[in-house]
Amino acid sequence: MKKFLFCMIGTMMSLLCCGTKAPEGQLVLLEYTKSGTMAGYEYFGRVEKLPNGTFVVIAMKESYGDLYQKKIGKEELEKLKQIIVEEKMMKYKEHYRPVFEVLDGYMWHFEATFSEGARVYSSGSNARPGGDGLKRVREYLTELVADATKTVDPEKYR
């Protein structure tokens, strides 16, 4: 009986803790967008792996601004992964909505995919998760393109 109880407790603990476990592998895709009531994205930020194996960040420097592209390395990818882990973004719900109907507001979506198959996906309409995860991701992506000069055609990401 003790053995059975010990196994049940262990199983329950593993189920409760699985959402907080750091994703394994390298970050291979990250995207965060926010849309307001105006046409187009209020903010767009994306990290992607190019066919040649290099990584780039494509992001806005300012709200409703142009998209800029810059090559990044493993250090920047690890920093983004660190933000995801520190802010427990793996625990985000799939979708957030306000309790009351909102007729004019904002929408957002966040996605991160890792080389070992882990994926974080969350979105919302006029509601978002607690914490600073989305804010920190946006700030870091914006920081990464601060000195970028290469613009990107926004139609590619609509």
N, C-alpha and C. Protein backbone atom coordinates (compact mmCIF):
# COMPACT_ATOMS: atom_id res chain seq x y z
N MET A 1 0.82 -1.19 0.00
CA MET A 1 0.00 0.00 0.00
C MET A 1 0.87 1.26 0.00
N LYS A 2 1.95 1.25 0.81
CA LYS A 2 2.84 2.41 0.84
C LYS A 2 3.47 2.64 -0.53
N LYS A 3 3.85 1.55 -1.18
CA LYS A 3 4.48 1.65 -2.50
C LYS A 3 3.50 2.28 -3.50
N PHE A 4 2.24 1.84 -3.46
CA PHE A 4 1.21 2.37 -4.35
C PHE A 4 1.00 3.86 -4.09
N LEU A 5 0.88 4.24 -2.83
CA LEU A 5 0.68 5.64 -2.46
C LEU A 5 1.86 6.50 -2.89
N PHE A 6 3.07 6.00 -2.71
CA PHE A 6 4.28 6.72 -3.12
C PHE A 6 4.29 6.94 -4.63
N CYS A 7 3.91 5.92 -5.40
CA CYS A 7 3.86 6.04 -6.86
C CYS A 7 2.80 7.05 -7.29
N MET A 8 1.63 7.04 -6.62
CA MET A 8 0.57 7.99 -6.96
C MET A 8 1.00 9.44 -6.69
N ILE A 9 1.65 9.65 -5.56
CA ILE A 9 2.12 10.99 -5.22
C ILE A 9 3.16 11.44 -6.24
N GLY A 10 4.08 10.57 -6.60
CA GLY A 10 5.10 10.90 -7.61
C GLY A 10 4.49 11.25 -8.95
N THR A 11 3.48 10.49 -9.36
CA THR A 11 2.80 10.75 -10.63
C THR A 11 2.09 12.11 -10.60
N MET A 12 1.41 12.39 -9.51
CA MET A 12 0.70 13.67 -9.38
C MET A 12 1.69 14.83 -9.40
N MET A 13 2.81 14.70 -8.73
CA MET A 13 3.81 15.77 -8.72
C MET A 13 4.36 16.02 -10.12
N SER A 14 4.61 14.96 -10.87
CA SER A 14 5.15 15.14 -12.22
C SER A 14 4.13 15.82 -13.12
N LEU A 15 2.85 15.52 -12.94
CA LEU A 15 1.82 16.18 -13.74
C LEU A 15 1.70 17.65 -13.40
N LEU A 16 1.80 17.97 -12.13
CA LEU A 16 1.71 19.37 -11.71
C LEU A 16 2.91 20.19 -12.12
N CYS A 17 4.06 19.59 -12.22
CA CYS A 17 5.29 20.33 -12.51
C CYS A 17 5.63 20.41 -13.98
N CYS A 18 4.96 19.67 -14.83
CA CYS A 18 5.38 19.60 -16.23
C CYS A 18 5.31 20.94 -16.94
N GLY A 19 4.38 21.82 -16.59
CA GLY A 19 4.24 23.10 -17.25
C GLY A 19 5.30 24.11 -16.88
N THR A 20 6.07 23.85 -15.84
CA THR A 20 7.09 24.80 -15.42
C THR A 20 8.48 24.38 -15.86
N LYS A 21 8.59 23.21 -16.43
CA LYS A 21 9.88 22.69 -16.85
C LYS A 21 10.42 23.53 -18.02
N ALA A 22 11.69 23.84 -17.95
CA ALA A 22 12.32 24.61 -19.03
C ALA A 22 12.30 23.77 -20.31
N PRO A 23 11.93 24.38 -21.43
CA PRO A 23 11.93 23.65 -22.70
C PRO A 23 13.34 23.18 -23.04
N GLU A 24 13.43 21.98 -23.57
CA GLU A 24 14.73 21.45 -23.97
C GLU A 24 15.05 21.88 -25.39
N GLY A 25 16.33 22.01 -25.67
CA GLY A 25 16.77 22.35 -27.01
C GLY A 25 16.87 23.85 -27.23
N GLN A 26 17.29 24.18 -28.43
CA GLN A 26 17.49 25.58 -28.82
C GLN A 26 16.18 26.19 -29.32
N LEU A 27 16.01 27.45 -29.06
CA LEU A 27 14.88 28.19 -29.62
C LEU A 27 15.08 28.26 -31.13
N VAL A 28 14.07 27.85 -31.90
CA VAL A 28 14.21 27.87 -33.36
C VAL A 28 13.21 28.81 -34.03
N LEU A 29 12.18 29.24 -33.28
CA LEU A 29 11.20 30.18 -33.81
C LEU A 29 10.56 30.90 -32.64
N LEU A 30 10.40 32.19 -32.78
CA LEU A 30 9.68 32.98 -31.78
C LEU A 30 8.93 34.07 -32.53
N GLU A 31 7.68 34.29 -32.14
CA GLU A 31 6.92 35.38 -32.74
C GLU A 31 6.01 35.99 -31.69
N TYR A 32 5.98 37.30 -31.67
CA TYR A 32 5.06 38.04 -30.81
C TYR A 32 4.46 39.18 -31.63
N THR A 33 3.14 39.23 -31.68
CA THR A 33 2.47 40.31 -32.38
C THR A 33 1.39 40.90 -31.49
N LYS A 34 1.13 42.17 -31.71
CA LYS A 34 0.04 42.85 -31.03
C LYS A 34 -0.64 43.74 -32.06
N SER A 35 -1.96 43.66 -32.12
CA SER A 35 -2.74 44.47 -33.06
C SER A 35 -3.70 45.34 -32.30
N GLY A 36 -3.78 46.58 -32.70
CA GLY A 36 -4.75 47.50 -32.11
C GLY A 36 -5.92 47.68 -33.05
N THR A 37 -6.54 48.81 -32.96
CA THR A 37 -7.71 49.08 -33.79
C THR A 37 -7.33 49.65 -35.16
N MET A 38 -6.09 50.07 -35.32
CA MET A 38 -5.63 50.57 -36.61
C MET A 38 -5.24 49.39 -37.50
N ALA A 39 -5.18 49.63 -38.80
CA ALA A 39 -4.78 48.58 -39.73
C ALA A 39 -3.32 48.20 -39.49
N GLY A 40 -3.01 46.97 -39.64
CA GLY A 40 -1.64 46.49 -39.46
C GLY A 40 -1.31 46.21 -38.01
N TYR A 41 -0.10 45.70 -37.81
CA TYR A 41 0.34 45.37 -36.46
C TYR A 41 0.77 46.63 -35.71
N GLU A 42 0.37 46.70 -34.45
CA GLU A 42 0.94 47.71 -33.57
C GLU A 42 2.38 47.32 -33.28
N TYR A 43 2.61 46.02 -33.09
CA TYR A 43 3.97 45.53 -32.89
C TYR A 43 4.09 44.16 -33.56
N PHE A 44 5.24 43.95 -34.19
CA PHE A 44 5.57 42.66 -34.78
C PHE A 44 7.02 42.37 -34.45
N GLY A 45 7.26 41.18 -33.91
CA GLY A 45 8.62 40.73 -33.66
C GLY A 45 8.72 39.24 -33.92
N ARG A 46 9.76 38.83 -34.61
CA ARG A 46 9.91 37.42 -34.97
C ARG A 46 11.39 37.06 -35.01
N VAL A 47 11.70 35.86 -34.54
CA VAL A 47 13.03 35.28 -34.68
C VAL A 47 12.83 34.01 -35.48
N GLU A 48 13.61 33.87 -36.55
CA GLU A 48 13.47 32.67 -37.38
C GLU A 48 14.81 32.19 -37.88
N LYS A 49 14.84 30.91 -38.20
CA LYS A 49 16.03 30.27 -38.74
C LYS A 49 15.92 30.30 -40.26
N LEU A 50 16.95 30.84 -40.91
CA LEU A 50 16.97 30.90 -42.37
C LEU A 50 17.43 29.56 -42.93
N PRO A 51 17.17 29.30 -44.21
CA PRO A 51 17.59 28.03 -44.82
C PRO A 51 19.09 27.74 -44.71
N ASN A 52 19.92 28.79 -44.61
CA ASN A 52 21.36 28.57 -44.49
C ASN A 52 21.80 28.29 -43.05
N GLY A 53 20.82 28.22 -42.11
CA GLY A 53 21.14 27.88 -40.73
C GLY A 53 21.37 29.05 -39.79
N THR A 54 21.43 30.26 -40.33
CA THR A 54 21.61 31.44 -39.47
C THR A 54 20.25 31.88 -38.94
N PHE A 55 20.28 32.66 -37.88
CA PHE A 55 19.06 33.19 -37.29
C PHE A 55 18.99 34.69 -37.49
N VAL A 56 17.77 35.18 -37.71
CA VAL A 56 17.54 36.62 -37.82
C VAL A 56 16.39 37.02 -36.91
N VAL A 57 16.45 38.25 -36.47
CA VAL A 57 15.31 38.86 -35.78
C VAL A 57 14.74 39.88 -36.74
N ILE A 58 13.41 39.89 -36.84
CA ILE A 58 12.69 40.85 -37.65
C ILE A 58 11.72 41.53 -36.69
N ALA A 59 11.85 42.82 -36.51
CA ALA A 59 11.01 43.49 -35.52
C ALA A 59 10.86 44.97 -35.83
N MET A 60 9.87 45.56 -35.18
CA MET A 60 9.64 47.00 -35.26
C MET A 60 10.46 47.70 -34.19
N LYS A 61 10.90 48.88 -34.51
CA LYS A 61 11.59 49.72 -33.52
C LYS A 61 10.58 50.56 -32.75
N GLU A 62 9.43 50.81 -33.36
CA GLU A 62 8.39 51.63 -32.72
C GLU A 62 7.02 51.10 -33.16
N SER A 63 5.99 51.43 -32.41
CA SER A 63 4.64 50.98 -32.72
C SER A 63 4.22 51.42 -34.12
N TYR A 64 3.60 50.49 -34.85
CA TYR A 64 3.14 50.70 -36.22
C TYR A 64 4.26 51.14 -37.16
N GLY A 65 5.51 50.82 -36.81
CA GLY A 65 6.66 51.25 -37.60
C GLY A 65 7.07 50.25 -38.65
N ASP A 66 8.21 50.54 -39.27
CA ASP A 66 8.79 49.65 -40.27
C ASP A 66 9.38 48.42 -39.59
N LEU A 67 9.57 47.36 -40.37
CA LEU A 67 10.22 46.15 -39.89
C LEU A 67 11.70 46.20 -40.23
N TYR A 68 12.53 45.82 -39.28
CA TYR A 68 13.98 45.78 -39.47
C TYR A 68 14.47 44.37 -39.22
N GLN A 69 15.53 44.01 -39.94
CA GLN A 69 16.09 42.66 -39.83
C GLN A 69 17.55 42.73 -39.43
N LYS A 70 17.95 41.77 -38.58
CA LYS A 70 19.33 41.71 -38.13
C LYS A 70 19.68 40.25 -37.81
N LYS A 71 20.87 39.86 -38.19
CA LYS A 71 21.36 38.51 -37.87
C LYS A 71 21.68 38.45 -36.37
N ILE A 72 21.33 37.33 -35.73
CA ILE A 72 21.63 37.14 -34.32
C ILE A 72 22.29 35.78 -34.11
N GLY A 73 22.89 35.60 -32.94
CA GLY A 73 23.59 34.36 -32.63
C GLY A 73 22.98 33.61 -31.46
N LYS A 74 23.71 32.60 -31.01
CA LYS A 74 23.24 31.73 -29.93
C LYS A 74 23.02 32.49 -28.62
N GLU A 75 23.83 33.48 -28.36
CA GLU A 75 23.69 34.25 -27.12
C GLU A 75 22.32 34.94 -27.04
N GLU A 76 21.89 35.52 -28.14
CA GLU A 76 20.59 36.19 -28.17
C GLU A 76 19.45 35.19 -28.07
N LEU A 77 19.61 34.04 -28.72
CA LEU A 77 18.59 32.98 -28.61
C LEU A 77 18.46 32.48 -27.18
N GLU A 78 19.60 32.33 -26.51
CA GLU A 78 19.59 31.87 -25.11
C GLU A 78 18.94 32.91 -24.20
N LYS A 79 19.17 34.18 -24.47
CA LYS A 79 18.55 35.25 -23.67
C LYS A 79 17.03 35.21 -23.81
N LEU A 80 16.53 34.99 -25.02
CA LEU A 80 15.09 34.87 -25.23
C LEU A 80 14.53 33.65 -24.50
N LYS A 81 15.24 32.54 -24.58
CA LYS A 81 14.81 31.33 -23.86
C LYS A 81 14.79 31.59 -22.35
N GLN A 82 15.78 32.32 -21.87
CA GLN A 82 15.86 32.65 -20.45
C GLN A 82 14.65 33.48 -20.02
N ILE A 83 14.24 34.42 -20.84
CA ILE A 83 13.05 35.23 -20.53
C ILE A 83 11.83 34.32 -20.43
N ILE A 84 11.68 33.41 -21.39
CA ILE A 84 10.54 32.49 -21.39
C ILE A 84 10.50 31.66 -20.11
N VAL A 85 11.66 31.16 -19.69
CA VAL A 85 11.74 30.34 -18.49
C VAL A 85 11.50 31.18 -17.23
N GLU A 86 12.18 32.32 -17.12
CA GLU A 86 12.05 33.18 -15.93
C GLU A 86 10.61 33.67 -15.74
N GLU A 87 9.93 33.96 -16.82
CA GLU A 87 8.56 34.47 -16.75
C GLU A 87 7.52 33.35 -16.77
N LYS A 88 8.00 32.11 -16.80
CA LYS A 88 7.11 30.93 -16.79
C LYS A 88 6.07 31.00 -17.92
N MET A 89 6.52 31.40 -19.09
CA MET A 89 5.62 31.55 -20.22
C MET A 89 5.09 30.21 -20.72
N MET A 90 5.74 29.10 -20.33
CA MET A 90 5.25 27.77 -20.69
C MET A 90 3.90 27.50 -20.03
N LYS A 91 3.57 28.25 -18.99
CA LYS A 91 2.32 28.05 -18.26
C LYS A 91 1.18 28.92 -18.79
N TYR A 92 1.45 29.73 -19.81
CA TYR A 92 0.39 30.57 -20.36
C TYR A 92 -0.76 29.71 -20.87
N LYS A 93 -1.98 30.21 -20.70
CA LYS A 93 -3.15 29.55 -21.25
C LYS A 93 -3.11 29.70 -22.78
N GLU A 94 -3.87 28.85 -23.45
CA GLU A 94 -3.92 28.94 -24.91
C GLU A 94 -4.56 30.25 -25.37
N HIS A 95 -5.57 30.72 -24.64
CA HIS A 95 -6.23 31.96 -25.06
C HIS A 95 -6.74 32.72 -23.83
N TYR A 96 -6.63 34.05 -23.90
CA TYR A 96 -7.10 34.94 -22.84
C TYR A 96 -8.21 35.83 -23.37
N ARG A 97 -9.28 35.97 -22.58
CA ARG A 97 -10.40 36.85 -22.92
C ARG A 97 -10.82 37.60 -21.66
N PRO A 98 -11.37 38.80 -21.86
CA PRO A 98 -11.88 39.52 -20.69
C PRO A 98 -13.21 38.91 -20.24
N VAL A 99 -13.56 39.17 -19.02
CA VAL A 99 -14.83 38.68 -18.48
C VAL A 99 -16.00 39.35 -19.18
N PHE A 100 -15.87 40.64 -19.45
CA PHE A 100 -16.94 41.40 -20.11
C PHE A 100 -16.60 41.63 -21.57
N GLU A 101 -17.63 41.85 -22.38
CA GLU A 101 -17.42 42.11 -23.80
C GLU A 101 -16.73 43.45 -24.02
N VAL A 102 -15.72 43.45 -24.87
CA VAL A 102 -15.00 44.67 -25.24
C VAL A 102 -15.15 44.83 -26.75
N LEU A 103 -15.64 45.98 -27.18
CA LEU A 103 -15.90 46.19 -28.60
C LEU A 103 -14.74 46.83 -29.33
N ASP A 104 -13.85 47.43 -28.61
CA ASP A 104 -12.72 48.12 -29.23
C ASP A 104 -11.50 47.87 -28.35
N GLY A 105 -10.48 47.27 -28.88
CA GLY A 105 -9.35 46.95 -28.02
C GLY A 105 -8.16 46.43 -28.79
N TYR A 106 -7.59 45.32 -28.32
CA TYR A 106 -6.37 44.80 -28.92
C TYR A 106 -6.40 43.27 -28.94
N MET A 107 -5.55 42.72 -29.79
CA MET A 107 -5.34 41.27 -29.87
C MET A 107 -3.84 41.03 -29.91
N TRP A 108 -3.41 39.88 -29.45
CA TRP A 108 -1.99 39.54 -29.46
C TRP A 108 -1.84 38.03 -29.63
N HIS A 109 -0.63 37.63 -30.03
CA HIS A 109 -0.31 36.21 -30.04
C HIS A 109 1.19 36.04 -29.79
N PHE A 110 1.53 34.95 -29.14
CA PHE A 110 2.91 34.61 -28.82
C PHE A 110 3.13 33.15 -29.15
N GLU A 111 4.28 32.88 -29.77
CA GLU A 111 4.63 31.50 -30.11
C GLU A 111 6.13 31.33 -29.98
N ALA A 112 6.53 30.22 -29.40
CA ALA A 112 7.95 29.87 -29.33
C ALA A 112 8.07 28.37 -29.57
N THR A 113 8.99 27.99 -30.45
CA THR A 113 9.21 26.58 -30.77
C THR A 113 10.68 26.26 -30.53
N PHE A 114 10.91 25.07 -29.98
CA PHE A 114 12.27 24.65 -29.62
C PHE A 114 12.66 23.41 -30.43
N SER A 115 13.97 23.23 -30.60
CA SER A 115 14.50 22.16 -31.45
C SER A 115 14.09 20.76 -31.00
N GLU A 116 13.81 20.57 -29.72
CA GLU A 116 13.43 19.24 -29.22
C GLU A 116 11.92 19.02 -29.25
N GLY A 117 11.19 19.94 -29.88
CA GLY A 117 9.76 19.75 -30.08
C GLY A 117 8.85 20.52 -29.16
N ALA A 118 9.35 21.09 -28.08
CA ALA A 118 8.48 21.87 -27.18
C ALA A 118 7.96 23.10 -27.91
N ARG A 119 6.73 23.46 -27.59
CA ARG A 119 6.11 24.63 -28.22
C ARG A 119 5.26 25.36 -27.20
N VAL A 120 5.37 26.67 -27.19
CA VAL A 120 4.53 27.52 -26.36
C VAL A 120 3.69 28.34 -27.32
N TYR A 121 2.38 28.30 -27.13
CA TYR A 121 1.50 29.12 -27.96
C TYR A 121 0.42 29.72 -27.07
N SER A 122 0.21 31.01 -27.22
CA SER A 122 -0.82 31.70 -26.45
C SER A 122 -1.27 32.91 -27.23
N SER A 123 -2.53 33.28 -27.03
CA SER A 123 -3.06 34.47 -27.69
C SER A 123 -4.12 35.09 -26.79
N GLY A 124 -4.55 36.27 -27.17
CA GLY A 124 -5.56 36.92 -26.37
C GLY A 124 -6.26 38.05 -27.10
N SER A 125 -7.43 38.36 -26.59
CA SER A 125 -8.21 39.47 -27.10
C SER A 125 -8.64 40.30 -25.90
N ASN A 126 -8.02 41.45 -25.75
CA ASN A 126 -8.34 42.38 -24.67
C ASN A 126 -8.07 41.82 -23.27
N ALA A 127 -7.22 40.84 -23.20
CA ALA A 127 -6.79 40.25 -21.92
C ALA A 127 -5.46 39.56 -22.17
N ARG A 128 -4.66 39.44 -21.12
CA ARG A 128 -3.34 38.83 -21.26
C ARG A 128 -2.95 38.17 -19.94
N PRO A 129 -1.89 37.37 -19.98
CA PRO A 129 -1.43 36.73 -18.75
C PRO A 129 -0.76 37.74 -17.82
N GLY A 130 -0.66 37.38 -16.55
CA GLY A 130 0.06 38.21 -15.62
C GLY A 130 1.56 38.12 -15.87
N GLY A 131 2.31 38.90 -15.16
CA GLY A 131 3.76 38.90 -15.32
C GLY A 131 4.21 39.83 -16.43
N ASP A 132 5.52 39.80 -16.68
CA ASP A 132 6.13 40.70 -17.66
C ASP A 132 6.69 39.98 -18.88
N GLY A 133 6.32 38.73 -19.11
CA GLY A 133 6.90 37.97 -20.21
C GLY A 133 6.76 38.63 -21.56
N LEU A 134 5.55 38.98 -21.93
CA LEU A 134 5.32 39.59 -23.24
C LEU A 134 6.05 40.92 -23.36
N LYS A 135 6.02 41.71 -22.30
CA LYS A 135 6.72 43.00 -22.29
C LYS A 135 8.21 42.80 -22.46
N ARG A 136 8.79 41.84 -21.73
CA ARG A 136 10.24 41.61 -21.81
C ARG A 136 10.65 41.10 -23.18
N VAL A 137 9.85 40.22 -23.78
CA VAL A 137 10.16 39.72 -25.12
C VAL A 137 10.14 40.89 -26.11
N ARG A 138 9.11 41.72 -26.04
CA ARG A 138 9.02 42.87 -26.95
C ARG A 138 10.21 43.81 -26.77
N GLU A 139 10.52 44.12 -25.52
CA GLU A 139 11.64 45.03 -25.26
C GLU A 139 12.96 44.47 -25.79
N TYR A 140 13.18 43.17 -25.61
CA TYR A 140 14.44 42.59 -26.06
C TYR A 140 14.51 42.53 -27.58
N LEU A 141 13.43 42.15 -28.24
CA LEU A 141 13.43 42.12 -29.71
C LEU A 141 13.66 43.53 -30.26
N THR A 142 13.02 44.52 -29.65
CA THR A 142 13.21 45.91 -30.08
C THR A 142 14.66 46.35 -29.86
N GLU A 143 15.22 45.95 -28.75
CA GLU A 143 16.63 46.26 -28.46
C GLU A 143 17.56 45.63 -29.51
N LEU A 144 17.25 44.40 -29.91
CA LEU A 144 18.10 43.70 -30.88
C LEU A 144 18.14 44.41 -32.23
N VAL A 145 17.04 45.03 -32.64
CA VAL A 145 17.03 45.70 -33.95
C VAL A 145 17.31 47.20 -33.86
N ALA A 146 17.65 47.68 -32.68
CA ALA A 146 17.86 49.13 -32.48
C ALA A 146 18.87 49.71 -33.46
N ASP A 147 19.92 48.95 -33.78
CA ASP A 147 20.94 49.47 -34.70
C ASP A 147 20.83 48.85 -36.10
N ALA A 148 19.75 48.15 -36.37
CA ALA A 148 19.56 47.53 -37.69
C ALA A 148 19.17 48.60 -38.71
N THR A 149 19.62 48.42 -39.93
CA THR A 149 19.27 49.35 -40.99
C THR A 149 18.51 48.68 -42.12
N LYS A 150 18.56 47.36 -42.19
CA LYS A 150 17.88 46.65 -43.27
C LYS A 150 16.39 46.54 -42.97
N THR A 151 15.58 47.10 -43.85
CA THR A 151 14.13 46.98 -43.69
C THR A 151 13.63 45.74 -44.42
N VAL A 152 12.47 45.29 -44.00
CA VAL A 152 11.86 44.08 -44.54
C VAL A 152 10.48 44.44 -45.07
N ASP A 153 10.08 43.80 -46.15
CA ASP A 153 8.74 44.01 -46.71
C ASP A 153 7.70 43.46 -45.73
N PRO A 154 6.84 44.32 -45.18
CA PRO A 154 5.87 43.85 -44.18
C PRO A 154 4.83 42.88 -44.75
N GLU A 155 4.61 42.91 -46.06
CA GLU A 155 3.62 42.01 -46.67
C GLU A 155 4.01 40.54 -46.49
N LYS A 156 5.28 40.27 -46.33
CA LYS A 156 5.75 38.89 -46.13
C LYS A 156 5.23 38.30 -44.83
N TYR A 157 4.89 39.15 -43.86
CA TYR A 157 4.50 38.67 -42.53
C TYR A 157 3.06 38.99 -42.16
N ARG A 158 2.23 39.26 -43.11
CA ARG A 158 0.80 39.54 -42.83
C ARG A 158 0.00 38.28 -42.80
